[in-house]
Amino acid sequence: MAPKNIPWDMIRSLITEMYGGKIDDEGDFQRLGKLVSDVMTPAAYEENFNIVKDIQPPGSQDGETGGLVLPGGTGWKEFMEWTNSLPEREPPTYLGLPADAEKLLLVERAKEMTANLRLVMNILDEGEQVMAEAI
């Protein structure tokens, strides 16, 4: 049961403004606002609250979700067991991103690296041609 008299609107505004102060993309700022609104709510005090909604990541097995349920107990032991059961690297779904967001980022970096390598190879080829013509 949620404690009474918690100023949820003020807490959500403070968190959104504090972490969103450096965000210059309106879509990202809206995503942050939604994330904060979904998490900072009286429902977070309910048993089995999904802090991250269940979604079926592409290519995952049945029953495997990107969701995250808060621990049911309020004791230190339950909290530590829950914390230790979290994945070492949090999936992008915890931030409301697609499950393959990291893969997409790596693909873009690989494309950029390939383009830079092609540029360097062209410069080297031009240098070899200049040297060959000078001889």
N, C-alpha and C. Protein backbone atom coordinates (compact mmCIF):
# COMPACT_ATOMS: atom_id res chain seq x y z
N MET A 1 0.84 -1.18 0.00
CA MET A 1 0.00 0.00 0.00
C MET A 1 0.89 1.24 0.00
N ALA A 2 0.56 2.19 -0.84
CA ALA A 2 1.37 3.41 -1.00
C ALA A 2 1.18 4.33 0.20
N PRO A 3 2.29 4.92 0.67
CA PRO A 3 2.17 5.92 1.73
C PRO A 3 1.34 7.10 1.24
N LYS A 4 0.63 7.72 2.17
CA LYS A 4 -0.22 8.86 1.81
C LYS A 4 0.62 10.13 1.78
N ASN A 5 0.10 11.10 1.10
CA ASN A 5 0.68 12.45 1.06
C ASN A 5 2.04 12.53 0.36
N ILE A 6 2.31 11.62 -0.55
CA ILE A 6 3.53 11.74 -1.36
C ILE A 6 3.21 12.64 -2.54
N PRO A 7 3.98 13.71 -2.74
CA PRO A 7 3.69 14.64 -3.85
C PRO A 7 4.22 14.08 -5.18
N TRP A 8 3.49 13.13 -5.75
CA TRP A 8 3.96 12.43 -6.94
C TRP A 8 4.23 13.37 -8.12
N ASP A 9 3.34 14.32 -8.35
CA ASP A 9 3.54 15.25 -9.47
C ASP A 9 4.83 16.04 -9.31
N MET A 10 5.11 16.50 -8.10
CA MET A 10 6.33 17.26 -7.86
C MET A 10 7.57 16.38 -8.04
N ILE A 11 7.52 15.15 -7.55
CA ILE A 11 8.66 14.23 -7.69
C ILE A 11 8.91 13.95 -9.17
N ARG A 12 7.84 13.67 -9.92
CA ARG A 12 8.00 13.40 -11.35
C ARG A 12 8.59 14.61 -12.08
N SER A 13 8.11 15.81 -11.74
CA SER A 13 8.62 17.03 -12.38
C SER A 13 10.10 17.25 -12.05
N LEU A 14 10.46 17.07 -10.79
CA LEU A 14 11.86 17.26 -10.39
C LEU A 14 12.79 16.28 -11.10
N ILE A 15 12.40 15.03 -11.15
CA ILE A 15 13.24 14.02 -11.80
C ILE A 15 13.34 14.30 -13.29
N THR A 16 12.21 14.59 -13.92
CA THR A 16 12.21 14.85 -15.37
C THR A 16 13.06 16.06 -15.70
N GLU A 17 12.92 17.14 -14.95
CA GLU A 17 13.69 18.35 -15.24
C GLU A 17 15.16 18.17 -14.91
N MET A 18 15.46 17.44 -13.84
CA MET A 18 16.85 17.24 -13.44
C MET A 18 17.60 16.41 -14.49
N TYR A 19 17.02 15.29 -14.89
CA TYR A 19 17.70 14.41 -15.85
C TYR A 19 17.47 14.85 -17.30
N GLY A 20 16.43 15.62 -17.54
CA GLY A 20 16.13 16.05 -18.90
C GLY A 20 16.75 17.38 -19.27
N GLY A 21 17.47 18.01 -18.35
CA GLY A 21 18.04 19.33 -18.59
C GLY A 21 19.01 19.38 -19.76
N LYS A 22 19.68 18.28 -20.04
CA LYS A 22 20.68 18.24 -21.12
C LYS A 22 20.13 17.61 -22.40
N ILE A 23 18.88 17.16 -22.37
CA ILE A 23 18.29 16.52 -23.54
C ILE A 23 17.84 17.60 -24.52
N ASP A 24 18.32 17.51 -25.75
CA ASP A 24 17.96 18.52 -26.74
C ASP A 24 17.01 17.99 -27.81
N ASP A 25 16.62 16.74 -27.72
CA ASP A 25 15.68 16.14 -28.67
C ASP A 25 14.32 16.00 -27.99
N GLU A 26 13.29 16.57 -28.58
CA GLU A 26 11.95 16.57 -27.96
C GLU A 26 11.43 15.14 -27.77
N GLY A 27 11.69 14.26 -28.73
CA GLY A 27 11.24 12.87 -28.60
C GLY A 27 11.90 12.17 -27.42
N ASP A 28 13.20 12.41 -27.23
CA ASP A 28 13.91 11.82 -26.10
C ASP A 28 13.37 12.36 -24.78
N PHE A 29 13.06 13.66 -24.75
CA PHE A 29 12.53 14.27 -23.53
C PHE A 29 11.15 13.68 -23.20
N GLN A 30 10.33 13.46 -24.21
CA GLN A 30 9.02 12.85 -23.99
C GLN A 30 9.17 11.41 -23.50
N ARG A 31 10.15 10.69 -24.05
CA ARG A 31 10.40 9.31 -23.61
C ARG A 31 10.81 9.30 -22.14
N LEU A 32 11.66 10.25 -21.75
CA LEU A 32 12.07 10.36 -20.35
C LEU A 32 10.85 10.64 -19.47
N GLY A 33 10.00 11.57 -19.89
CA GLY A 33 8.80 11.89 -19.12
C GLY A 33 7.90 10.68 -18.94
N LYS A 34 7.74 9.89 -19.99
CA LYS A 34 6.91 8.68 -19.90
C LYS A 34 7.54 7.67 -18.96
N LEU A 35 8.85 7.48 -19.05
CA LEU A 35 9.56 6.55 -18.18
C LEU A 35 9.38 6.95 -16.71
N VAL A 36 9.57 8.23 -16.41
CA VAL A 36 9.42 8.71 -15.04
C VAL A 36 7.98 8.55 -14.58
N SER A 37 7.01 8.88 -15.43
CA SER A 37 5.59 8.74 -15.07
C SER A 37 5.22 7.29 -14.80
N ASP A 38 5.79 6.37 -15.58
CA ASP A 38 5.48 4.95 -15.40
C ASP A 38 6.08 4.39 -14.11
N VAL A 39 7.20 4.93 -13.68
CA VAL A 39 7.91 4.38 -12.52
C VAL A 39 7.53 5.09 -11.21
N MET A 40 7.42 6.40 -11.25
CA MET A 40 7.13 7.17 -10.04
C MET A 40 5.63 7.30 -9.87
N THR A 41 5.03 6.27 -9.34
CA THR A 41 3.58 6.18 -9.22
C THR A 41 3.22 5.41 -7.95
N PRO A 42 2.06 5.66 -7.38
CA PRO A 42 1.65 4.89 -6.20
C PRO A 42 1.58 3.38 -6.46
N ALA A 43 1.36 2.99 -7.71
CA ALA A 43 1.29 1.58 -8.06
C ALA A 43 2.61 0.86 -7.80
N ALA A 44 3.71 1.60 -7.71
CA ALA A 44 5.02 1.00 -7.45
C ALA A 44 5.05 0.33 -6.08
N TYR A 45 4.13 0.68 -5.20
CA TYR A 45 4.07 0.07 -3.87
C TYR A 45 3.25 -1.22 -3.87
N GLU A 46 2.62 -1.54 -4.98
CA GLU A 46 1.81 -2.75 -5.06
C GLU A 46 2.70 -3.97 -5.27
N GLU A 47 2.18 -5.12 -4.85
CA GLU A 47 2.89 -6.39 -5.02
C GLU A 47 3.08 -6.69 -6.51
N ASN A 48 4.26 -7.15 -6.89
CA ASN A 48 4.60 -7.54 -8.27
C ASN A 48 4.43 -6.39 -9.27
N PHE A 49 4.83 -5.19 -8.90
CA PHE A 49 4.77 -4.05 -9.81
C PHE A 49 5.80 -4.22 -10.91
N ASN A 50 5.35 -4.09 -12.16
CA ASN A 50 6.25 -4.17 -13.31
C ASN A 50 6.89 -2.80 -13.51
N ILE A 51 8.13 -2.68 -13.10
CA ILE A 51 8.83 -1.41 -13.28
C ILE A 51 9.19 -1.22 -14.75
N VAL A 52 9.37 -2.33 -15.45
CA VAL A 52 9.57 -2.34 -16.90
C VAL A 52 8.52 -3.29 -17.45
N LYS A 53 7.70 -2.77 -18.35
CA LYS A 53 6.59 -3.56 -18.88
C LYS A 53 7.10 -4.76 -19.68
N ASP A 54 6.32 -5.85 -19.62
CA ASP A 54 6.67 -7.06 -20.35
C ASP A 54 6.54 -6.83 -21.84
N ILE A 55 7.60 -7.16 -22.55
CA ILE A 55 7.56 -7.14 -24.01
C ILE A 55 8.30 -8.36 -24.51
N GLN A 56 7.93 -8.83 -25.65
CA GLN A 56 8.56 -10.00 -26.24
C GLN A 56 9.66 -9.52 -27.19
N PRO A 57 10.94 -9.62 -26.76
CA PRO A 57 12.01 -9.19 -27.65
C PRO A 57 12.05 -10.04 -28.91
N PRO A 58 12.40 -9.43 -30.07
CA PRO A 58 12.50 -10.20 -31.31
C PRO A 58 13.52 -11.33 -31.16
N GLY A 59 13.16 -12.50 -31.62
CA GLY A 59 14.08 -13.64 -31.58
C GLY A 59 14.17 -14.30 -30.23
N SER A 60 13.33 -13.93 -29.26
CA SER A 60 13.41 -14.53 -27.93
C SER A 60 12.52 -15.76 -27.86
N GLN A 61 12.77 -16.58 -26.86
CA GLN A 61 11.98 -17.78 -26.63
C GLN A 61 10.65 -17.40 -25.99
N ASP A 62 9.64 -18.26 -26.11
CA ASP A 62 8.36 -18.00 -25.45
C ASP A 62 8.58 -17.87 -23.95
N GLY A 63 7.94 -16.90 -23.35
CA GLY A 63 8.07 -16.69 -21.92
C GLY A 63 9.22 -15.76 -21.55
N GLU A 64 10.15 -15.54 -22.46
CA GLU A 64 11.26 -14.64 -22.19
C GLU A 64 10.81 -13.22 -22.52
N THR A 65 10.85 -12.35 -21.54
CA THR A 65 10.38 -10.99 -21.75
C THR A 65 11.46 -10.00 -21.38
N GLY A 66 11.22 -8.78 -21.74
CA GLY A 66 12.14 -7.72 -21.36
C GLY A 66 11.65 -7.00 -20.12
N GLY A 67 10.63 -7.56 -19.43
CA GLY A 67 10.06 -6.91 -18.27
C GLY A 67 10.92 -7.07 -17.02
N LEU A 68 10.55 -6.29 -16.00
CA LEU A 68 11.27 -6.34 -14.73
C LEU A 68 10.27 -6.07 -13.63
N VAL A 69 10.10 -7.02 -12.73
CA VAL A 69 9.16 -6.91 -11.62
C VAL A 69 9.94 -6.60 -10.35
N LEU A 70 9.44 -5.61 -9.60
CA LEU A 70 10.08 -5.25 -8.33
C LEU A 70 9.91 -6.39 -7.33
N PRO A 71 10.82 -6.51 -6.37
CA PRO A 71 10.69 -7.59 -5.38
C PRO A 71 9.44 -7.39 -4.52
N GLY A 72 8.87 -8.51 -4.05
CA GLY A 72 7.67 -8.45 -3.25
C GLY A 72 7.93 -8.03 -1.81
N GLY A 73 9.07 -8.43 -1.28
CA GLY A 73 9.37 -8.11 0.11
C GLY A 73 9.99 -6.73 0.27
N THR A 74 10.03 -6.29 1.51
CA THR A 74 10.62 -4.98 1.78
C THR A 74 11.89 -5.09 2.61
N GLY A 75 12.30 -6.31 2.89
CA GLY A 75 13.49 -6.51 3.71
C GLY A 75 14.77 -6.42 2.89
N TRP A 76 15.87 -6.25 3.61
CA TRP A 76 17.20 -6.15 2.99
C TRP A 76 17.53 -7.41 2.21
N LYS A 77 17.22 -8.58 2.79
CA LYS A 77 17.54 -9.86 2.15
C LYS A 77 16.84 -9.99 0.80
N GLU A 78 15.54 -9.68 0.76
CA GLU A 78 14.78 -9.78 -0.49
C GLU A 78 15.33 -8.81 -1.54
N PHE A 79 15.65 -7.60 -1.08
CA PHE A 79 16.18 -6.60 -2.01
C PHE A 79 17.53 -7.06 -2.58
N MET A 80 18.41 -7.59 -1.74
CA MET A 80 19.72 -8.04 -2.22
C MET A 80 19.59 -9.24 -3.16
N GLU A 81 18.67 -10.15 -2.87
CA GLU A 81 18.44 -11.29 -3.77
C GLU A 81 17.95 -10.80 -5.13
N TRP A 82 17.03 -9.84 -5.11
CA TRP A 82 16.50 -9.28 -6.35
C TRP A 82 17.61 -8.56 -7.12
N THR A 83 18.38 -7.76 -6.42
CA THR A 83 19.48 -7.01 -7.06
C THR A 83 20.49 -7.96 -7.67
N ASN A 84 20.86 -9.00 -6.96
CA ASN A 84 21.84 -9.96 -7.47
C ASN A 84 21.31 -10.79 -8.63
N SER A 85 19.98 -10.87 -8.77
CA SER A 85 19.41 -11.63 -9.88
C SER A 85 19.29 -10.81 -11.17
N LEU A 86 19.55 -9.50 -11.09
CA LEU A 86 19.47 -8.65 -12.28
C LEU A 86 20.60 -9.00 -13.25
N PRO A 87 20.36 -8.82 -14.54
CA PRO A 87 21.43 -9.11 -15.51
C PRO A 87 22.60 -8.13 -15.34
N GLU A 88 23.80 -8.62 -15.64
CA GLU A 88 24.99 -7.77 -15.50
C GLU A 88 24.91 -6.56 -16.41
N ARG A 89 24.42 -6.76 -17.62
CA ARG A 89 24.20 -5.64 -18.55
C ARG A 89 22.70 -5.53 -18.77
N GLU A 90 22.16 -4.36 -18.43
CA GLU A 90 20.71 -4.21 -18.55
C GLU A 90 20.33 -4.13 -20.03
N PRO A 91 19.26 -4.81 -20.38
CA PRO A 91 18.81 -4.77 -21.78
C PRO A 91 18.23 -3.40 -22.11
N PRO A 92 18.29 -3.00 -23.38
CA PRO A 92 17.72 -1.71 -23.79
C PRO A 92 16.23 -1.59 -23.48
N THR A 93 15.54 -2.73 -23.36
CA THR A 93 14.11 -2.69 -23.06
C THR A 93 13.84 -2.05 -21.70
N TYR A 94 14.80 -2.09 -20.79
CA TYR A 94 14.63 -1.45 -19.48
C TYR A 94 14.47 0.06 -19.63
N LEU A 95 14.94 0.62 -20.73
CA LEU A 95 14.81 2.06 -20.98
C LEU A 95 13.71 2.37 -21.98
N GLY A 96 12.94 1.36 -22.33
CA GLY A 96 11.85 1.58 -23.28
C GLY A 96 12.31 1.56 -24.73
N LEU A 97 13.53 1.09 -24.97
CA LEU A 97 14.06 1.01 -26.33
C LEU A 97 13.81 -0.37 -26.90
N PRO A 98 13.89 -0.51 -28.23
CA PRO A 98 13.73 -1.85 -28.82
C PRO A 98 14.83 -2.78 -28.32
N ALA A 99 14.53 -4.06 -28.26
CA ALA A 99 15.50 -5.05 -27.77
C ALA A 99 16.76 -5.07 -28.61
N ASP A 100 16.66 -4.72 -29.89
CA ASP A 100 17.83 -4.77 -30.77
C ASP A 100 18.51 -3.40 -30.92
N ALA A 101 18.24 -2.47 -30.00
CA ALA A 101 18.79 -1.11 -30.10
C ALA A 101 20.32 -1.13 -30.11
N GLU A 102 20.92 -1.96 -29.28
CA GLU A 102 22.38 -2.01 -29.23
C GLU A 102 22.95 -2.55 -30.54
N LYS A 103 22.28 -3.54 -31.10
CA LYS A 103 22.72 -4.10 -32.38
C LYS A 103 22.65 -3.04 -33.48
N LEU A 104 21.56 -2.26 -33.48
CA LEU A 104 21.41 -1.20 -34.48
C LEU A 104 22.51 -0.14 -34.33
N LEU A 105 22.86 0.19 -33.09
CA LEU A 105 23.93 1.14 -32.84
C LEU A 105 25.27 0.61 -33.36
N LEU A 106 25.53 -0.66 -33.11
CA LEU A 106 26.77 -1.27 -33.58
C LEU A 106 26.83 -1.33 -35.10
N VAL A 107 25.71 -1.58 -35.74
CA VAL A 107 25.66 -1.60 -37.21
C VAL A 107 26.00 -0.22 -37.76
N GLU A 108 25.42 0.82 -37.16
CA GLU A 108 25.73 2.19 -37.60
C GLU A 108 27.20 2.54 -37.40
N ARG A 109 27.77 2.11 -36.29
CA ARG A 109 29.19 2.36 -36.04
C ARG A 109 30.06 1.62 -37.05
N ALA A 110 29.66 0.39 -37.40
CA ALA A 110 30.41 -0.38 -38.39
C ALA A 110 30.35 0.29 -39.76
N LYS A 111 29.19 0.83 -40.12
CA LYS A 111 29.06 1.54 -41.40
C LYS A 111 29.97 2.77 -41.42
N GLU A 112 29.98 3.51 -40.32
CA GLU A 112 30.82 4.70 -40.23
C GLU A 112 32.31 4.32 -40.30
N MET A 113 32.69 3.26 -39.61
CA MET A 113 34.08 2.82 -39.63
C MET A 113 34.49 2.36 -41.04
N THR A 114 33.59 1.66 -41.73
CA THR A 114 33.88 1.21 -43.09
C THR A 114 34.04 2.40 -44.03
N ALA A 115 33.19 3.41 -43.87
CA ALA A 115 33.31 4.61 -44.71
C ALA A 115 34.62 5.33 -44.45
N ASN A 116 35.03 5.41 -43.18
CA ASN A 116 36.31 6.06 -42.85
C ASN A 116 37.49 5.26 -43.41
N LEU A 117 37.41 3.94 -43.34
CA LEU A 117 38.47 3.10 -43.88
C LEU A 117 38.56 3.28 -45.40
N ARG A 118 37.42 3.36 -46.07
CA ARG A 118 37.39 3.57 -47.52
C ARG A 118 38.05 4.91 -47.87
N LEU A 119 37.77 5.95 -47.08
CA LEU A 119 38.37 7.27 -47.29
C LEU A 119 39.89 7.20 -47.14
N VAL A 120 40.36 6.53 -46.10
CA VAL A 120 41.81 6.40 -45.89
C VAL A 120 42.45 5.62 -47.04
N MET A 121 41.80 4.55 -47.48
CA MET A 121 42.35 3.75 -48.58
C MET A 121 42.42 4.58 -49.87
N ASN A 122 41.43 5.41 -50.14
CA ASN A 122 41.45 6.28 -51.32
C ASN A 122 42.59 7.29 -51.24
N ILE A 123 42.79 7.86 -50.06
CA ILE A 123 43.89 8.81 -49.88
C ILE A 123 45.23 8.13 -50.11
N LEU A 124 45.40 6.90 -49.59
CA LEU A 124 46.65 6.16 -49.79
C LEU A 124 46.85 5.83 -51.27
N ASP A 125 45.77 5.44 -51.96
CA ASP A 125 45.87 5.13 -53.39
C ASP A 125 46.29 6.37 -54.18
N GLU A 126 45.71 7.54 -53.84
CA GLU A 126 46.08 8.78 -54.52
C GLU A 126 47.54 9.12 -54.26
N GLY A 127 48.00 8.87 -53.04
CA GLY A 127 49.41 9.13 -52.71
C GLY A 127 50.34 8.23 -53.51
N GLU A 128 49.96 6.97 -53.69
CA GLU A 128 50.78 6.05 -54.48
C GLU A 128 50.82 6.49 -55.94
N GLN A 129 49.71 6.97 -56.48
CA GLN A 129 49.68 7.44 -57.86
C GLN A 129 50.57 8.66 -58.04
N VAL A 130 50.52 9.57 -57.09
CA VAL A 130 51.37 10.77 -57.16
C VAL A 130 52.83 10.36 -57.13
N MET A 131 53.17 9.43 -56.26
CA MET A 131 54.57 8.97 -56.17
C MET A 131 55.00 8.28 -57.45
N ALA A 132 54.11 7.47 -58.06
CA ALA A 132 54.43 6.77 -59.28
C ALA A 132 54.63 7.74 -60.43
N GLU A 133 53.83 8.80 -60.48
CA GLU A 133 53.96 9.80 -61.54
C GLU A 133 55.24 10.62 -61.37
N ALA A 134 55.67 10.79 -60.15
CA ALA A 134 56.86 11.60 -59.88
C ALA A 134 58.13 10.87 -60.28
N ILE A 135 58.06 9.56 -60.38
CA ILE A 135 59.28 8.79 -60.71
C ILE A 135 59.55 8.78 -62.17
